[in-house]
Every structure is written in structure tokens, then in C-alpha cells.
Amino acid sequence: MTSRPEGAHGPGAPDVSGPTEPDEIKAEIEATREQLAATVDELSHRLDVGSRAKETAARTKDTAVETYRENPPVVIGVGVALVAVVVALVVRRARR
């Protein structure tokens, strides 16, 4: 239920809602602060490109190592194929 402050009447008067007891107000302020702090932390993490790039590189490395441990011949084959593609591109550029 919303209410208007005493003496406030009409469509332009602000609605007052929420807690009215000092302890309730303090609790709401603290909850809002915690939520704001969490939001700021999340935004800071998202904007830290260097840190995120390092995390992604570490995850990629871990995935590659795990894949190699599970199936070495496939990883070696993919590595050979990548080298062949790079060599082919270099040779093609050199001929132009």
C-alpha cells in the first residue's frame, strides 16, 4: 500500500512506500549497498579485459592438455594439419 506524506495531496505529490521504522530502513539501505557492491564488482570484472583474456587462455590451455591426454594421436594430427595450412599460406604468399 502506498501513502502520501502528511499534507501532500493531488496528482503531483510523491507516493511514499517501503519501510517506515528506522531498523527497517537501515536493513533496506544495507541490502541495497550489498547489491550495489556486487554489481560494481561484476562490472569491474567484465571491464578487466586483460584478466579475462588470461582466464580464457588458461581455460584453453587446460582444455588442450586434457584433450591431448585423452587422445594424443588426434591432437598430433590437428597440429600437423595446422602447420601444413600455415606453410601453404606462406608459400602461396611468397609466390605472389
PDB file of N, CA and C in Angstrom:
ATOM      1  N   MET A   1       0.846  -1.170   0.000  1.00  0.00           N
ATOM      2  CA  MET A   1       0.000   0.000   0.000  1.00  0.00           C
ATOM      3  C   MET A   1       0.895   1.237   0.000  1.00  0.00           C
ATOM      4  N   THR A   2       0.612   2.182  -0.884  1.00  0.00           N
ATOM      5  CA  THR A   2       1.375   3.423  -0.910  1.00  0.00           C
ATOM      6  C   THR A   2       0.594   4.505  -0.195  1.00  0.00           C
ATOM      7  N   SER A   3       1.337   5.395   0.410  1.00  0.00           N
ATOM      8  CA  SER A   3       0.677   6.502   1.108  1.00  0.00           C
ATOM      9  C   SER A   3       1.424   7.776   0.782  1.00  0.00           C
ATOM     10  N   ARG A   4       0.779   8.878   1.024  1.00  0.00           N
ATOM     11  CA  ARG A   4       1.383  10.185   0.770  1.00  0.00           C
ATOM     12  C   ARG A   4       1.759  10.803   2.114  1.00  0.00           C
ATOM     13  N   PRO A   5       2.829  11.598   2.111  1.00  0.00           N
ATOM     14  CA  PRO A   5       3.184  12.267   3.365  1.00  0.00           C
ATOM     15  C   PRO A   5       2.057  13.188   3.813  1.00  0.00           C
ATOM     16  N   GLU A   6       2.054  13.471   5.090  1.00  0.00           N
ATOM     17  CA  GLU A   6       1.009  14.362   5.610  1.00  0.00           C
ATOM     18  C   GLU A   6       1.047  15.684   4.883  1.00  0.00           C
ATOM     19  N   GLY A   7      -0.092  16.173   4.502  1.00  0.00           N
ATOM     20  CA  GLY A   7      -0.206  17.455   3.827  1.00  0.00           C
ATOM     21  C   GLY A   7       0.046  17.376   2.334  1.00  0.00           C
ATOM     22  N   ALA A   8       0.435  16.229   1.817  1.00  0.00           N
ATOM     23  CA  ALA A   8       0.687  16.091   0.377  1.00  0.00           C
ATOM     24  C   ALA A   8      -0.581  15.553  -0.273  1.00  0.00           C
ATOM     25  N   HIS A   9      -1.148  16.348  -1.159  1.00  0.00           N
ATOM     26  CA  HIS A   9      -2.380  15.957  -1.820  1.00  0.00           C
ATOM     27  C   HIS A   9      -2.246  16.210  -3.312  1.00  0.00           C
ATOM     28  N   GLY A  10      -2.999  15.488  -4.093  1.00  0.00           N
ATOM     29  CA  GLY A  10      -3.047  15.755  -5.525  1.00  0.00           C
ATOM     30  C   GLY A  10      -2.125  14.842  -6.331  1.00  0.00           C
ATOM     31  N   PRO A  11      -2.272  14.939  -7.654  1.00  0.00           N
ATOM     32  CA  PRO A  11      -1.544  14.027  -8.528  1.00  0.00           C
ATOM     33  C   PRO A  11      -0.027  14.262  -8.553  1.00  0.00           C
ATOM     34  N   GLY A  12       0.461  15.435  -8.220  1.00  0.00           N
ATOM     35  CA  GLY A  12       1.889  15.711  -8.257  1.00  0.00           C
ATOM     36  C   GLY A  12       2.614  15.360  -6.980  1.00  0.00           C
ATOM     37  N   ALA A  13       1.883  14.977  -5.944  1.00  0.00           N
ATOM     38  CA  ALA A  13       2.513  14.675  -4.661  1.00  0.00           C
ATOM     39  C   ALA A  13       3.187  13.306  -4.731  1.00  0.00           C
ATOM     40  N   PRO A  14       4.366  13.186  -4.123  1.00  0.00           N
ATOM     41  CA  PRO A  14       5.079  11.902  -4.196  1.00  0.00           C
ATOM     42  C   PRO A  14       4.396  10.835  -3.360  1.00  0.00           C
ATOM     43  N   ASP A  15       4.454   9.606  -3.873  1.00  0.00           N
ATOM     44  CA  ASP A  15       3.985   8.461  -3.101  1.00  0.00           C
ATOM     45  C   ASP A  15       5.124   8.010  -2.198  1.00  0.00           C
ATOM     46  N   VAL A  16       4.802   7.641  -0.990  1.00  0.00           N
ATOM     47  CA  VAL A  16       5.794   7.130  -0.060  1.00  0.00           C
ATOM     48  C   VAL A  16       5.451   5.674   0.188  1.00  0.00           C
ATOM     49  N   SER A  17       6.398   4.803  -0.101  1.00  0.00           N
ATOM     50  CA  SER A  17       6.169   3.387   0.156  1.00  0.00           C
ATOM     51  C   SER A  17       7.440   2.801   0.739  1.00  0.00           C
ATOM     52  N   GLY A  18       7.358   1.617   1.263  1.00  0.00           N
ATOM     53  CA  GLY A  18       8.525   0.978   1.842  1.00  0.00           C
ATOM     54  C   GLY A  18       8.492   1.064   3.347  1.00  0.00           C
ATOM     55  N   PRO A  19       9.605   0.706   3.954  1.00  0.00           N
ATOM     56  CA  PRO A  19       9.642   0.654   5.420  1.00  0.00           C
ATOM     57  C   PRO A  19       9.573   2.050   6.036  1.00  0.00           C
ATOM     58  N   THR A  20       8.999   2.095   7.219  1.00  0.00           N
ATOM     59  CA  THR A  20       8.888   3.369   7.925  1.00  0.00           C
ATOM     60  C   THR A  20       9.640   3.354   9.253  1.00  0.00           C
ATOM     61  N   GLU A  21       9.982   2.181   9.752  1.00  0.00           N
ATOM     62  CA  GLU A  21      10.716   2.069  11.009  1.00  0.00           C
ATOM     63  C   GLU A  21      12.205   2.229  10.736  1.00  0.00           C
ATOM     64  N   PRO A  22      12.944   2.891  11.631  1.00  0.00           N
ATOM     65  CA  PRO A  22      14.384   3.109  11.420  1.00  0.00           C
ATOM     66  C   PRO A  22      15.172   1.818  11.191  1.00  0.00           C
ATOM     67  N   ASP A  23      14.871   0.758  11.935  1.00  0.00           N
ATOM     68  CA  ASP A  23      15.597  -0.505  11.740  1.00  0.00           C
ATOM     69  C   ASP A  23      15.314  -1.103  10.364  1.00  0.00           C
ATOM     70  N   GLU A  24      14.078  -0.988   9.905  1.00  0.00           N
ATOM     71  CA  GLU A  24      13.720  -1.495   8.574  1.00  0.00           C
ATOM     72  C   GLU A  24      14.429  -0.691   7.494  1.00  0.00           C
ATOM     73  N   ILE A  25      14.483   0.619   7.689  1.00  0.00           N
ATOM     74  CA  ILE A  25      15.155   1.495   6.718  1.00  0.00           C
ATOM     75  C   ILE A  25      16.641   1.155   6.660  1.00  0.00           C
ATOM     76  N   LYS A  26      17.283   0.976   7.833  1.00  0.00           N
ATOM     77  CA  LYS A  26      18.699   0.621   7.880  1.00  0.00           C
ATOM     78  C   LYS A  26      18.952  -0.717   7.181  1.00  0.00           C
ATOM     79  N   ALA A  27      18.071  -1.688   7.415  1.00  0.00           N
ATOM     80  CA  ALA A  27      18.226  -3.004   6.784  1.00  0.00           C
ATOM     81  C   ALA A  27      18.095  -2.883   5.264  1.00  0.00           C
ATOM     82  N   GLU A  28      17.156  -2.075   4.809  1.00  0.00           N
ATOM     83  CA  GLU A  28      16.972  -1.887   3.368  1.00  0.00           C
ATOM     84  C   GLU A  28      18.185  -1.184   2.755  1.00  0.00           C
ATOM     85  N   ILE A  29      18.729  -0.202   3.456  1.00  0.00           N
ATOM     86  CA  ILE A  29      19.921   0.500   2.970  1.00  0.00           C
ATOM     87  C   ILE A  29      21.094  -0.472   2.873  1.00  0.00           C
ATOM     88  N   GLU A  30      21.279  -1.307   3.872  1.00  0.00           N
ATOM     89  CA  GLU A  30      22.381  -2.273   3.866  1.00  0.00           C
ATOM     90  C   GLU A  30      22.216  -3.274   2.722  1.00  0.00           C
ATOM     91  N   ALA A  31      20.989  -3.748   2.507  1.00  0.00           N
ATOM     92  CA  ALA A  31      20.747  -4.676   1.404  1.00  0.00           C
ATOM     93  C   ALA A  31      21.040  -4.011   0.061  1.00  0.00           C
ATOM     94  N   THR A  32      20.659  -2.755  -0.068  1.00  0.00           N
ATOM     95  CA  THR A  32      20.919  -2.011  -1.299  1.00  0.00           C
ATOM     96  C   THR A  32      22.418  -1.824  -1.502  1.00  0.00           C
ATOM     97  N   ARG A  33      23.144  -1.533  -0.435  1.00  0.00           N
ATOM     98  CA  ARG A  33      24.607  -1.383  -0.528  1.00  0.00           C
ATOM     99  C   ARG A  33      25.258  -2.677  -0.994  1.00  0.00           C
ATOM    100  N   GLU A  34      24.834  -3.800  -0.420  1.00  0.00           N
ATOM    101  CA  GLU A  34      25.397  -5.095  -0.810  1.00  0.00           C
ATOM    102  C   GLU A  34      25.115  -5.396  -2.277  1.00  0.00           C
ATOM    103  N   GLN A  35      23.905  -5.101  -2.707  1.00  0.00           N
ATOM    104  CA  GLN A  35      23.539  -5.336  -4.104  1.00  0.00           C
ATOM    105  C   GLN A  35      24.362  -4.433  -5.031  1.00  0.00           C
ATOM    106  N   LEU A  36      24.536  -3.182  -4.642  1.00  0.00           N
ATOM    107  CA  LEU A  36      25.334  -2.253  -5.431  1.00  0.00           C
ATOM    108  C   LEU A  36      26.795  -2.694  -5.487  1.00  0.00           C
ATOM    109  N   ALA A  37      27.340  -3.153  -4.370  1.00  0.00           N
ATOM    110  CA  ALA A  37      28.726  -3.627  -4.332  1.00  0.00           C
ATOM    111  C   ALA A  37      28.903  -4.832  -5.255  1.00  0.00           C
ATOM    112  N   ALA A  38      27.944  -5.742  -5.247  1.00  0.00           N
ATOM    113  CA  ALA A  38      28.025  -6.913  -6.122  1.00  0.00           C
ATOM    114  C   ALA A  38      27.961  -6.491  -7.589  1.00  0.00           C
ATOM    115  N   THR A  39      27.125  -5.523  -7.893  1.00  0.00           N
ATOM    116  CA  THR A  39      27.011  -5.027  -9.263  1.00  0.00           C
ATOM    117  C   THR A  39      28.308  -4.363  -9.715  1.00  0.00           C
ATOM    118  N   VAL A  40      28.893  -3.551  -8.853  1.00  0.00           N
ATOM    119  CA  VAL A  40      30.162  -2.885  -9.181  1.00  0.00           C
ATOM    120  C   VAL A  40      31.262  -3.921  -9.385  1.00  0.00           C
ATOM    121  N   ASP A  41      31.317  -4.931  -8.528  1.00  0.00           N
ATOM    122  CA  ASP A  41      32.322  -5.989  -8.679  1.00  0.00           C
ATOM    123  C   ASP A  41      32.163  -6.706 -10.018  1.00  0.00           C
ATOM    124  N   GLU A  42      30.937  -7.029 -10.387  1.00  0.00           N
ATOM    125  CA  GLU A  42      30.673  -7.715 -11.664  1.00  0.00           C
ATOM    126  C   GLU A  42      31.079  -6.837 -12.842  1.00  0.00           C
ATOM    127  N   LEU A  43      30.737  -5.563 -12.791  1.00  0.00           N
ATOM    128  CA  LEU A  43      31.118  -4.651 -13.874  1.00  0.00           C
ATOM    129  C   LEU A  43      32.635  -4.503 -13.960  1.00  0.00           C
ATOM    130  N   SER A  44      33.303  -4.403 -12.825  1.00  0.00           N
ATOM    131  CA  SER A  44      34.764  -4.306 -12.813  1.00  0.00           C
ATOM    132  C   SER A  44      35.391  -5.535 -13.450  1.00  0.00           C
ATOM    133  N   HIS A  45      34.857  -6.705 -13.126  1.00  0.00           N
ATOM    134  CA  HIS A  45      35.377  -7.947 -13.712  1.00  0.00           C
ATOM    135  C   HIS A  45      35.163  -7.960 -15.222  1.00  0.00           C
ATOM    136  N   ARG A  46      34.005  -7.552 -15.671  1.00  0.00           N
ATOM    137  CA  ARG A  46      33.713  -7.548 -17.112  1.00  0.00           C
ATOM    138  C   ARG A  46      34.583  -6.555 -17.870  1.00  0.00           C
ATOM    139  N   LEU A  47      34.972  -5.457 -17.228  1.00  0.00           N
ATOM    140  CA  LEU A  47      35.767  -4.440 -17.896  1.00  0.00           C
ATOM    141  C   LEU A  47      37.270  -4.719 -17.825  1.00  0.00           C
ATOM    142  N   ASP A  48      37.686  -5.682 -17.027  1.00  0.00           N
ATOM    143  CA  ASP A  48      39.102  -6.029 -16.900  1.00  0.00           C
ATOM    144  C   ASP A  48      39.468  -7.012 -18.017  1.00  0.00           C
ATOM    145  N   VAL A  49      39.710  -6.462 -19.195  1.00  0.00           N
ATOM    146  CA  VAL A  49      39.936  -7.275 -20.395  1.00  0.00           C
ATOM    147  C   VAL A  49      41.183  -8.141 -20.242  1.00  0.00           C
ATOM    148  N   GLY A  50      42.250  -7.588 -19.698  1.00  0.00           N
ATOM    149  CA  GLY A  50      43.482  -8.358 -19.538  1.00  0.00           C
ATOM    150  C   GLY A  50      43.290  -9.587 -18.682  1.00  0.00           C
ATOM    151  N   SER A  51      42.613  -9.416 -17.565  1.00  0.00           N
ATOM    152  CA  SER A  51      42.359 -10.536 -16.666  1.00  0.00           C
ATOM    153  C   SER A  51      41.468 -11.586 -17.337  1.00  0.00           C
ATOM    154  N   ARG A  52      40.462 -11.127 -18.040  1.00  0.00           N
ATOM    155  CA  ARG A  52      39.568 -12.066 -18.729  1.00  0.00           C
ATOM    156  C   ARG A  52      40.299 -12.811 -19.833  1.00  0.00           C
ATOM    157  N   ALA A  53      41.214 -12.133 -20.535  1.00  0.00           N
ATOM    158  CA  ALA A  53      41.988 -12.787 -21.591  1.00  0.00           C
ATOM    159  C   ALA A  53      42.885 -13.864 -20.996  1.00  0.00           C
ATOM    160  N   LYS A  54      43.500 -13.566 -19.845  1.00  0.00           N
ATOM    161  CA  LYS A  54      44.345 -14.566 -19.182  1.00  0.00           C
ATOM    162  C   LYS A  54      43.517 -15.771 -18.741  1.00  0.00           C
ATOM    163  N   GLU A  55      42.326 -15.526 -18.209  1.00  0.00           N
ATOM    164  CA  GLU A  55      41.448 -16.627 -17.795  1.00  0.00           C
ATOM    165  C   GLU A  55      41.078 -17.493 -18.987  1.00  0.00           C
ATOM    166  N   THR A  56      40.749 -16.846 -20.106  1.00  0.00           N
ATOM    167  CA  THR A  56      40.377 -17.590 -21.316  1.00  0.00           C
ATOM    168  C   THR A  56      41.558 -18.400 -21.826  1.00  0.00           C
ATOM    169  N   ALA A  57      42.749 -17.816 -21.822  1.00  0.00           N
ATOM    170  CA  ALA A  57      43.943 -18.536 -22.272  1.00  0.00           C
ATOM    171  C   ALA A  57      44.208 -19.739 -21.368  1.00  0.00           C
ATOM    172  N   ALA A  58      44.061 -19.566 -20.072  1.00  0.00           N
ATOM    173  CA  ALA A  58      44.284 -20.673 -19.145  1.00  0.00           C
ATOM    174  C   ALA A  58      43.275 -21.788 -19.361  1.00  0.00           C
ATOM    175  N   ARG A  59      42.006 -21.420 -19.574  1.00  0.00           N
ATOM    176  CA  ARG A  59      40.975 -22.435 -19.850  1.00  0.00           C
ATOM    177  C   ARG A  59      41.272 -23.165 -21.147  1.00  0.00           C
ATOM    178  N   THR A  60      41.694 -22.428 -22.178  1.00  0.00           N
ATOM    179  CA  THR A  60      42.002 -23.041 -23.466  1.00  0.00           C
ATOM    180  C   THR A  60      43.173 -23.999 -23.331  1.00  0.00           C
ATOM    181  N   LYS A  61      44.190 -23.577 -22.601  1.00  0.00           N
ATOM    182  CA  LYS A  61      45.357 -24.443 -22.385  1.00  0.00           C
ATOM    183  C   LYS A  61      44.931 -25.718 -21.648  1.00  0.00           C
ATOM    184  N   ASP A  62      44.144 -25.568 -20.590  1.00  0.00           N
ATOM    185  CA  ASP A  62      43.677 -26.731 -19.835  1.00  0.00           C
ATOM    186  C   ASP A  62      42.884 -27.680 -20.712  1.00  0.00           C
ATOM    187  N   THR A  63      42.041 -27.123 -21.564  1.00  0.00           N
ATOM    188  CA  THR A  63      41.243 -27.947 -22.479  1.00  0.00           C
ATOM    189  C   THR A  63      42.146 -28.688 -23.451  1.00  0.00           C
ATOM    190  N   ALA A  64      43.153 -28.002 -23.994  1.00  0.00           N
ATOM    191  CA  ALA A  64      44.073 -28.641 -24.941  1.00  0.00           C
ATOM    192  C   ALA A  64      44.858 -29.759 -24.268  1.00  0.00           C
ATOM    193  N   VAL A  65      45.335 -29.509 -23.062  1.00  0.00           N
ATOM    194  CA  VAL A  65      46.104 -30.532 -22.346  1.00  0.00           C
ATOM    195  C   VAL A  65      45.219 -31.736 -22.047  1.00  0.00           C
ATOM    196  N   GLU A  66      44.007 -31.478 -21.603  1.00  0.00           N
ATOM    197  CA  GLU A  66      43.078 -32.577 -21.304  1.00  0.00           C
ATOM    198  C   GLU A  66      42.744 -33.369 -22.570  1.00  0.00           C
ATOM    199  N   THR A  67      42.529 -32.679 -23.668  1.00  0.00           N
ATOM    200  CA  THR A  67      42.237 -33.360 -24.932  1.00  0.00           C
ATOM    201  C   THR A  67      43.420 -34.213 -25.351  1.00  0.00           C
ATOM    202  N   TYR A  68      44.637 -33.672 -25.200  1.00  0.00           N
ATOM    203  CA  TYR A  68      45.831 -34.440 -25.563  1.00  0.00           C
ATOM    204  C   TYR A  68      45.949 -35.691 -24.706  1.00  0.00           C
ATOM    205  N   ARG A  69      45.671 -35.556 -23.415  1.00  0.00           N
ATOM    206  CA  ARG A  69      45.758 -36.722 -22.524  1.00  0.00           C
ATOM    207  C   ARG A  69      44.748 -37.793 -22.905  1.00  0.00           C
ATOM    208  N   GLU A  70      43.585 -37.372 -23.372  1.00  0.00           N
ATOM    209  CA  GLU A  70      42.529 -38.329 -23.725  1.00  0.00           C
ATOM    210  C   GLU A  70      42.787 -38.993 -25.073  1.00  0.00           C
ATOM    211  N   ASN A  71      43.373 -38.245 -26.025  1.00  0.00           N
ATOM    212  CA  ASN A  71      43.535 -38.799 -27.367  1.00  0.00           C
ATOM    213  C   ASN A  71      44.717 -38.142 -28.083  1.00  0.00           C
ATOM    214  N   PRO A  72      45.956 -38.526 -27.752  1.00  0.00           N
ATOM    215  CA  PRO A  72      47.139 -37.880 -28.337  1.00  0.00           C
ATOM    216  C   PRO A  72      47.203 -37.916 -29.865  1.00  0.00           C
ATOM    217  N   PRO A  73      46.872 -39.027 -30.534  1.00  0.00           N
ATOM    218  CA  PRO A  73      47.006 -39.035 -32.000  1.00  0.00           C
ATOM    219  C   PRO A  73      46.148 -37.968 -32.687  1.00  0.00           C
ATOM    220  N   VAL A  74      44.969 -37.713 -32.172  1.00  0.00           N
ATOM    221  CA  VAL A  74      44.097 -36.708 -32.780  1.00  0.00           C
ATOM    222  C   VAL A  74      44.720 -35.327 -32.636  1.00  0.00           C
ATOM    223  N   VAL A  75      45.250 -35.021 -31.463  1.00  0.00           N
ATOM    224  CA  VAL A  75      45.865 -33.713 -31.227  1.00  0.00           C
ATOM    225  C   VAL A  75      47.092 -33.546 -32.116  1.00  0.00           C
ATOM    226  N   ILE A  76      47.892 -34.583 -32.239  1.00  0.00           N
ATOM    227  CA  ILE A  76      49.077 -34.524 -33.104  1.00  0.00           C
ATOM    228  C   ILE A  76      48.643 -34.311 -34.555  1.00  0.00           C
ATOM    229  N   GLY A  77      47.603 -35.001 -34.980  1.00  0.00           N
ATOM    230  CA  GLY A  77      47.085 -34.838 -36.347  1.00  0.00           C
ATOM    231  C   GLY A  77      46.602 -33.421 -36.605  1.00  0.00           C
ATOM    232  N   VAL A  78      45.901 -32.854 -35.653  1.00  0.00           N
ATOM    233  CA  VAL A  78      45.418 -31.484 -35.802  1.00  0.00           C
ATOM    234  C   VAL A  78      46.599 -30.513 -35.851  1.00  0.00           C
ATOM    235  N   GLY A  79      47.608 -30.762 -35.020  1.00  0.00           N
ATOM    236  CA  GLY A  79      48.796 -29.912 -35.028  1.00  0.00           C
ATOM    237  C   GLY A  79      49.513 -29.963 -36.370  1.00  0.00           C
ATOM    238  N   VAL A  80      49.657 -31.150 -36.912  1.00  0.00           N
ATOM    239  CA  VAL A  80      50.302 -31.314 -38.227  1.00  0.00           C
ATOM    240  C   VAL A  80      49.480 -30.604 -39.294  1.00  0.00           C
ATOM    241  N   ALA A  81      48.176 -30.727 -39.227  1.00  0.00           N
ATOM    242  CA  ALA A  81      47.303 -30.069 -40.216  1.00  0.00           C
ATOM    243  C   ALA A  81      47.443 -28.556 -40.121  1.00  0.00           C
ATOM    244  N   LEU A  82      47.499 -28.012 -38.927  1.00  0.00           N
ATOM    245  CA  LEU A  82      47.670 -26.559 -38.754  1.00  0.00           C
ATOM    246  C   LEU A  82      49.005 -26.094 -39.319  1.00  0.00           C
ATOM    247  N   VAL A  83      50.058 -26.848 -39.061  1.00  0.00           N
ATOM    248  CA  VAL A  83      51.370 -26.489 -39.607  1.00  0.00           C
ATOM    249  C   VAL A  83      51.320 -26.524 -41.127  1.00  0.00           C
ATOM    250  N   ALA A  84      50.671 -27.517 -41.703  1.00  0.00           N
ATOM    251  CA  ALA A  84      50.565 -27.626 -43.159  1.00  0.00           C
ATOM    252  C   ALA A  84      49.816 -26.427 -43.740  1.00  0.00           C
ATOM    253  N   VAL A  85      48.768 -25.996 -43.074  1.00  0.00           N
ATOM    254  CA  VAL A  85      47.999 -24.840 -43.545  1.00  0.00           C
ATOM    255  C   VAL A  85      48.856 -23.581 -43.488  1.00  0.00           C
ATOM    256  N   VAL A  86      49.587 -23.392 -42.416  1.00  0.00           N
ATOM    257  CA  VAL A  86      50.444 -22.211 -42.287  1.00  0.00           C
ATOM    258  C   VAL A  86      51.529 -22.224 -43.362  1.00  0.00           C
ATOM    259  N   VAL A  87      52.158 -23.370 -43.580  1.00  0.00           N
ATOM    260  CA  VAL A  87      53.193 -23.481 -44.611  1.00  0.00           C
ATOM    261  C   VAL A  87      52.590 -23.189 -45.984  1.00  0.00           C
ATOM    262  N   ALA A  88      51.427 -23.729 -46.271  1.00  0.00           N
ATOM    263  CA  ALA A  88      50.776 -23.489 -47.564  1.00  0.00           C
ATOM    264  C   ALA A  88      50.488 -21.999 -47.750  1.00  0.00           C
ATOM    265  N   LEU A  89      50.033 -21.318 -46.714  1.00  0.00           N
ATOM    266  CA  LEU A  89      49.762 -19.893 -46.818  1.00  0.00           C
ATOM    267  C   LEU A  89      51.044 -19.095 -47.054  1.00  0.00           C
ATOM    268  N   VAL A  90      52.109 -19.464 -46.366  1.00  0.00           N
ATOM    269  CA  VAL A  90      53.387 -18.765 -46.547  1.00  0.00           C
ATOM    270  C   VAL A  90      53.901 -18.967 -47.979  1.00  0.00           C
ATOM    271  N   VAL A  91      53.845 -20.195 -48.470  1.00  0.00           N
ATOM    272  CA  VAL A  91      54.305 -20.488 -49.831  1.00  0.00           C
ATOM    273  C   VAL A  91      53.446 -19.731 -50.838  1.00  0.00           C
ATOM    274  N   ARG A  92      52.170 -19.718 -50.642  1.00  0.00           N
ATOM    275  CA  ARG A  92      51.276 -19.022 -51.571  1.00  0.00           C
ATOM    276  C   ARG A  92      51.583 -17.537 -51.616  1.00  0.00           C
ATOM    277  N   ARG A  93      51.815 -16.941 -50.451  1.00  0.00           N
ATOM    278  CA  ARG A  93      52.139 -15.511 -50.397  1.00  0.00           C
ATOM    279  C   ARG A  93      53.473 -15.218 -51.049  1.00  0.00           C
ATOM    280  N   ALA A  94      54.418 -16.120 -50.852  1.00  0.00           N
ATOM    281  CA  ALA A  94      55.751 -15.926 -51.415  1.00  0.00           C
ATOM    282  C   ALA A  94      55.710 -15.948 -52.941  1.00  0.00           C
ATOM    283  N   ARG A  95      54.813 -16.690 -53.518  1.00  0.00           N
ATOM    284  CA  ARG A  95      54.717 -16.803 -54.989  1.00  0.00           C
ATOM    285  C   ARG A  95      54.051 -15.594 -55.618  1.00  0.00           C
ATOM    286  N   ARG A  96      53.366 -14.816 -54.862  1.00  0.00           N
ATOM    287  CA  ARG A  96      52.653 -13.644 -55.414  1.00  0.00           C
ATOM    288  C   ARG A  96      53.573 -12.518 -55.664  1.00  0.00           C
TER     289      ARG A  96
END
